[in-house]
Amino acid sequence: MKLNKLLFVGLASFALMASGCTKHEVMTDSATTKPAATTKPVEATHSVKPLASKPASSSVYFAFDSSDLDAAGSATLDGYAAWLNDHGTMFVTIEGNCDQRGSREYNLALGQQRADSVKAYLVARGVSGSHIDTVSFGEERTVCSGTGEACWAQNRHADIVSR
């Protein structure tokens, strides 16, 4: 009797496993299948904004004894803000520079004010402040070593350096 019950339970288990493992073939009726050419394209629900390209200039120039941005500097920084916002993982350092006039200490302080002014402008346009470092080189990294306003104007700048 126990052998019959054991045999019955074994056969029942085998039958359940065999029926659960059968493959079912899906048949399609070619008369009801629509050809691919008649399907309509899916319309986009939102537009994709192209990424901003990196601005050609990475320098912003300042007037004598000033850390105020002019229109040209603002335009350059608007381009950088768009680029940095599109590349959210990018980090930059803003390097403030001065011409040779003034004391070393004064020029270091003015270079820092210029770098901070550029950073504040970028942050106001949505760039993460934690992605921007500032440093002042004062008069230590001159672009032009001559004298005269044309040369000094080249040295009064802040450079944006990607890192």
C-alpha atoms as a PDB file:
ATOM      1  CA  MET A   1       0.000   0.000   0.000  1.00  0.00           C
ATOM      2  CA  LYS A   2       2.785   2.434   0.896  1.00  0.00           C
ATOM      3  CA  LEU A   3       4.553   1.507  -2.312  1.00  0.00           C
ATOM      4  CA  ASN A   4       1.432   2.321  -4.361  1.00  0.00           C
ATOM      5  CA  LYS A   5       1.061   5.716  -2.677  1.00  0.00           C
ATOM      6  CA  LEU A   6       4.729   6.479  -3.235  1.00  0.00           C
ATOM      7  CA  LEU A   7       4.468   5.439  -6.877  1.00  0.00           C
ATOM      8  CA  PHE A   8       1.333   7.535  -7.344  1.00  0.00           C
ATOM      9  CA  VAL A   9       2.944  10.647  -5.750  1.00  0.00           C
ATOM     10  CA  GLY A  10       6.063  10.175  -7.901  1.00  0.00           C
ATOM     11  CA  LEU A  11       4.052   9.849 -11.145  1.00  0.00           C
ATOM     12  CA  ALA A  12       1.889  12.839 -10.244  1.00  0.00           C
ATOM     13  CA  SER A  13       4.989  14.945  -9.532  1.00  0.00           C
ATOM     14  CA  PHE A  14       6.576  13.900 -12.812  1.00  0.00           C
ATOM     15  CA  ALA A  15       3.400  14.738 -14.726  1.00  0.00           C
ATOM     16  CA  LEU A  16       3.233  18.215 -13.160  1.00  0.00           C
ATOM     17  CA  MET A  17       6.878  18.933 -13.936  1.00  0.00           C
ATOM     18  CA  ALA A  18       6.566  17.690 -17.503  1.00  0.00           C
ATOM     19  CA  SER A  19       3.478  19.778 -18.199  1.00  0.00           C
ATOM     20  CA  GLY A  20       5.091  22.930 -16.751  1.00  0.00           C
ATOM     21  CA  CYS A  21       8.190  22.614 -18.938  1.00  0.00           C
ATOM     22  CA  THR A  22       6.495  22.271 -22.314  1.00  0.00           C
ATOM     23  CA  LYS A  23       7.272  24.940 -24.876  1.00  0.00           C
ATOM     24  CA  HIS A  24       4.391  26.812 -26.385  1.00  0.00           C
ATOM     25  CA  GLU A  25       4.915  27.962 -29.929  1.00  0.00           C
ATOM     26  CA  VAL A  26       3.321  31.286 -30.818  1.00  0.00           C
ATOM     27  CA  MET A  27       1.677  31.221 -34.175  1.00  0.00           C
ATOM     28  CA  THR A  28       1.069  34.441 -36.038  1.00  0.00           C
ATOM     29  CA  ASP A  29      -1.419  34.870 -38.747  1.00  0.00           C
ATOM     30  CA  SER A  30       0.202  36.711 -41.638  1.00  0.00           C
ATOM     31  CA  ALA A  31      -3.161  38.153 -42.641  1.00  0.00           C
ATOM     32  CA  THR A  32      -3.479  40.048 -39.337  1.00  0.00           C
ATOM     33  CA  THR A  33       0.135  41.213 -39.128  1.00  0.00           C
ATOM     34  CA  LYS A  34       0.681  44.768 -40.379  1.00  0.00           C
ATOM     35  CA  PRO A  35       3.678  45.367 -42.601  1.00  0.00           C
ATOM     36  CA  ALA A  36       6.440  47.503 -41.074  1.00  0.00           C
ATOM     37  CA  ALA A  37       6.086  50.182 -43.742  1.00  0.00           C
ATOM     38  CA  THR A  38       2.641  51.211 -42.543  1.00  0.00           C
ATOM     39  CA  THR A  39       3.615  51.822 -38.910  1.00  0.00           C
ATOM     40  CA  LYS A  40       3.667  55.462 -37.842  1.00  0.00           C
ATOM     41  CA  PRO A  41       6.833  56.918 -36.284  1.00  0.00           C
ATOM     42  CA  VAL A  42       6.644  57.805 -32.616  1.00  0.00           C
ATOM     43  CA  GLU A  43       6.631  61.536 -32.046  1.00  0.00           C
ATOM     44  CA  ALA A  44       9.053  62.899 -29.476  1.00  0.00           C
ATOM     45  CA  THR A  45       7.413  64.287 -26.361  1.00  0.00           C
ATOM     46  CA  HIS A  46      10.323  66.641 -25.643  1.00  0.00           C
ATOM     47  CA  SER A  47      13.077  68.285 -27.616  1.00  0.00           C
ATOM     48  CA  VAL A  48      16.753  67.560 -27.069  1.00  0.00           C
ATOM     49  CA  LYS A  49      18.883  70.641 -26.514  1.00  0.00           C
ATOM     50  CA  PRO A  50      22.297  70.431 -28.196  1.00  0.00           C
ATOM     51  CA  LEU A  51      25.281  70.704 -25.873  1.00  0.00           C
ATOM     52  CA  ALA A  52      27.028  74.045 -25.757  1.00  0.00           C
ATOM     53  CA  SER A  53      30.492  74.085 -27.286  1.00  0.00           C
ATOM     54  CA  LYS A  54      33.480  75.275 -25.275  1.00  0.00           C
ATOM     55  CA  PRO A  55      34.056  79.010 -25.849  1.00  0.00           C
ATOM     56  CA  ALA A  56      37.096  79.953 -27.913  1.00  0.00           C
ATOM     57  CA  SER A  57      38.375  82.453 -25.343  1.00  0.00           C
ATOM     58  CA  SER A  58      39.162  81.426 -21.796  1.00  0.00           C
ATOM     59  CA  SER A  59      40.204  84.915 -20.647  1.00  0.00           C
ATOM     60  CA  VAL A  60      38.189  87.833 -19.299  1.00  0.00           C
ATOM     61  CA  TYR A  61      39.856  91.268 -19.317  1.00  0.00           C
ATOM     62  CA  PHE A  62      39.451  94.069 -16.771  1.00  0.00           C
ATOM     63  CA  ALA A  63      39.928  97.836 -16.678  1.00  0.00           C
ATOM     64  CA  PHE A  64      42.777  99.367 -14.666  1.00  0.00           C
ATOM     65  CA  ASP A  65      42.380  98.895 -10.897  1.00  0.00           C
ATOM     66  CA  SER A  66      39.000  97.142 -11.319  1.00  0.00           C
ATOM     67  CA  SER A  67      37.371  93.764 -10.834  1.00  0.00           C
ATOM     68  CA  ASP A  68      34.116  94.768 -12.568  1.00  0.00           C
ATOM     69  CA  LEU A  69      33.089  92.783 -15.640  1.00  0.00           C
ATOM     70  CA  ASP A  70      32.442  94.642 -18.886  1.00  0.00           C
ATOM     71  CA  ALA A  71      30.066  93.566 -21.695  1.00  0.00           C
ATOM     72  CA  ALA A  72      32.734  91.536 -23.511  1.00  0.00           C
ATOM     73  CA  GLY A  73      33.663  89.714 -20.312  1.00  0.00           C
ATOM     74  CA  SER A  74      30.011  88.969 -19.556  1.00  0.00           C
ATOM     75  CA  ALA A  75      29.500  87.563 -23.056  1.00  0.00           C
ATOM     76  CA  THR A  76      32.526  85.278 -22.663  1.00  0.00           C
ATOM     77  CA  LEU A  77      31.289  84.094 -19.271  1.00  0.00           C
ATOM     78  CA  ASP A  78      27.764  83.467 -20.576  1.00  0.00           C
ATOM     79  CA  GLY A  79      29.292  81.009 -23.060  1.00  0.00           C
ATOM     80  CA  TYR A  80      31.360  79.385 -20.321  1.00  0.00           C
ATOM     81  CA  ALA A  81      28.340  79.131 -18.007  1.00  0.00           C
ATOM     82  CA  ALA A  82      26.344  77.299 -20.707  1.00  0.00           C
ATOM     83  CA  TRP A  83      29.268  74.964 -21.396  1.00  0.00           C
ATOM     84  CA  LEU A  84      29.880  74.229 -17.705  1.00  0.00           C
ATOM     85  CA  ASN A  85      26.175  73.625 -17.085  1.00  0.00           C
ATOM     86  CA  ASP A  86      26.098  71.141 -19.983  1.00  0.00           C
ATOM     87  CA  HIS A  87      29.230  69.425 -18.621  1.00  0.00           C
ATOM     88  CA  GLY A  88      28.231  69.205 -14.973  1.00  0.00           C
ATOM     89  CA  THR A  89      31.181  67.058 -13.954  1.00  0.00           C
ATOM     90  CA  MET A  90      33.770  69.580 -15.176  1.00  0.00           C
ATOM     91  CA  PHE A  91      35.914  71.439 -12.651  1.00  0.00           C
ATOM     92  CA  VAL A  92      37.684  74.731 -13.371  1.00  0.00           C
ATOM     93  CA  THR A  93      40.169  77.059 -11.707  1.00  0.00           C
ATOM     94  CA  ILE A  94      39.884  80.788 -12.239  1.00  0.00           C
ATOM     95  CA  GLU A  95      43.285  82.506 -12.174  1.00  0.00           C
ATOM     96  CA  GLY A  96      43.246  86.249 -11.432  1.00  0.00           C
ATOM     97  CA  ASN A  97      46.085  88.352 -12.874  1.00  0.00           C
ATOM     98  CA  CYS A  98      47.211  91.997 -12.774  1.00  0.00           C
ATOM     99  CA  ASP A  99      49.620  94.302 -14.560  1.00  0.00           C
ATOM    100  CA  GLN A 100      52.954  95.312 -13.026  1.00  0.00           C
ATOM    101  CA  ARG A 101      51.758  98.566 -11.487  1.00  0.00           C
ATOM    102  CA  GLY A 102      51.036  98.551  -7.748  1.00  0.00           C
ATOM    103  CA  SER A 103      52.599  96.624  -4.890  1.00  0.00           C
ATOM    104  CA  ARG A 104      52.862  92.846  -4.872  1.00  0.00           C
ATOM    105  CA  GLU A 105      50.337  92.582  -2.011  1.00  0.00           C
ATOM    106  CA  TYR A 106      47.864  94.937  -3.676  1.00  0.00           C
ATOM    107  CA  ASN A 107      48.054  93.048  -6.985  1.00  0.00           C
ATOM    108  CA  LEU A 108      47.560  89.677  -5.257  1.00  0.00           C
ATOM    109  CA  ALA A 109      44.422  91.055  -3.582  1.00  0.00           C
ATOM    110  CA  LEU A 110      43.137  92.593  -6.845  1.00  0.00           C
ATOM    111  CA  GLY A 111      43.817  89.363  -8.756  1.00  0.00           C
ATOM    112  CA  GLN A 112      41.778  87.470  -6.146  1.00  0.00           C
ATOM    113  CA  GLN A 113      38.930  89.989  -6.465  1.00  0.00           C
ATOM    114  CA  ARG A 114      38.933  89.449 -10.234  1.00  0.00           C
ATOM    115  CA  ALA A 115      38.863  85.657  -9.868  1.00  0.00           C
ATOM    116  CA  ASP A 116      36.060  85.933  -7.288  1.00  0.00           C
ATOM    117  CA  SER A 117      34.098  88.254  -9.587  1.00  0.00           C
ATOM    118  CA  VAL A 118      34.249  85.695 -12.405  1.00  0.00           C
ATOM    119  CA  LYS A 119      33.229  82.890 -10.047  1.00  0.00           C
ATOM    120  CA  ALA A 120      30.257  84.876  -8.715  1.00  0.00           C
ATOM    121  CA  TYR A 121      29.085  85.569 -12.273  1.00  0.00           C
ATOM    122  CA  LEU A 122      29.247  81.869 -13.203  1.00  0.00           C
ATOM    123  CA  VAL A 123      27.512  80.746 -10.003  1.00  0.00           C
ATOM    124  CA  ALA A 124      24.729  83.298 -10.632  1.00  0.00           C
ATOM    125  CA  ARG A 125      24.152  81.528 -13.965  1.00  0.00           C
ATOM    126  CA  GLY A 126      23.733  78.089 -12.420  1.00  0.00           C
ATOM    127  CA  VAL A 127      27.278  76.716 -12.329  1.00  0.00           C
ATOM    128  CA  SER A 128      28.032  74.810  -9.116  1.00  0.00           C
ATOM    129  CA  GLY A 129      30.344  76.846  -6.901  1.00  0.00           C
ATOM    130  CA  SER A 130      31.900  73.633  -5.622  1.00  0.00           C
ATOM    131  CA  HIS A 131      33.233  73.013  -9.150  1.00  0.00           C
ATOM    132  CA  ILE A 132      35.115  76.321  -9.247  1.00  0.00           C
ATOM    133  CA  ASP A 133      38.382  77.158  -7.465  1.00  0.00           C
ATOM    134  CA  THR A 134      39.980  80.596  -7.526  1.00  0.00           C
ATOM    135  CA  VAL A 135      43.592  81.691  -7.225  1.00  0.00           C
ATOM    136  CA  SER A 136      45.446  84.970  -7.656  1.00  0.00           C
ATOM    137  CA  PHE A 137      48.813  85.269  -9.314  1.00  0.00           C
ATOM    138  CA  GLY A 138      48.893  89.056  -8.969  1.00  0.00           C
ATOM    139  CA  GLU A 139      51.612  90.369 -11.266  1.00  0.00           C
ATOM    140  CA  GLU A 140      53.610  87.111 -11.268  1.00  0.00           C
ATOM    141  CA  ARG A 141      52.338  85.711 -14.608  1.00  0.00           C
ATOM    142  CA  THR A 142      52.482  88.552 -17.062  1.00  0.00           C
ATOM    143  CA  VAL A 143      51.541  87.956 -20.689  1.00  0.00           C
ATOM    144  CA  CYS A 144      53.326  91.080 -21.912  1.00  0.00           C
ATOM    145  CA  SER A 145      56.534  92.231 -20.217  1.00  0.00           C
ATOM    146  CA  GLY A 146      56.728  95.669 -21.843  1.00  0.00           C
ATOM    147  CA  THR A 147      55.383  98.975 -20.621  1.00  0.00           C
ATOM    148  CA  GLY A 148      52.495 101.120 -21.765  1.00  0.00           C
ATOM    149  CA  GLU A 149      48.725 100.760 -21.652  1.00  0.00           C
ATOM    150  CA  ALA A 150      48.493  98.309 -24.581  1.00  0.00           C
ATOM    151  CA  CYS A 151      50.830  95.896 -22.818  1.00  0.00           C
ATOM    152  CA  TRP A 152      49.389  96.393 -19.333  1.00  0.00           C
ATOM    153  CA  ALA A 153      45.841  95.768 -20.608  1.00  0.00           C
ATOM    154  CA  GLN A 154      46.883  92.269 -21.706  1.00  0.00           C
ATOM    155  CA  ASN A 155      48.012  91.468 -18.152  1.00  0.00           C
ATOM    156  CA  ARG A 156      44.754  92.526 -16.422  1.00  0.00           C
ATOM    157  CA  HIS A 157      42.747  89.332 -16.848  1.00  0.00           C
ATOM    158  CA  ALA A 158      41.251  86.226 -15.307  1.00  0.00           C
ATOM    159  CA  ASP A 159      41.810  82.901 -17.033  1.00  0.00           C
ATOM    160  CA  ILE A 160      39.441  79.933 -16.805  1.00  0.00           C
ATOM    161  CA  VAL A 161      41.441  76.705 -16.727  1.00  0.00           C
ATOM    162  CA  SER A 162      39.709  73.328 -17.019  1.00  0.00           C
ATOM    163  CA  ARG A 163      41.014  70.585 -14.767  1.00  0.00           C
END
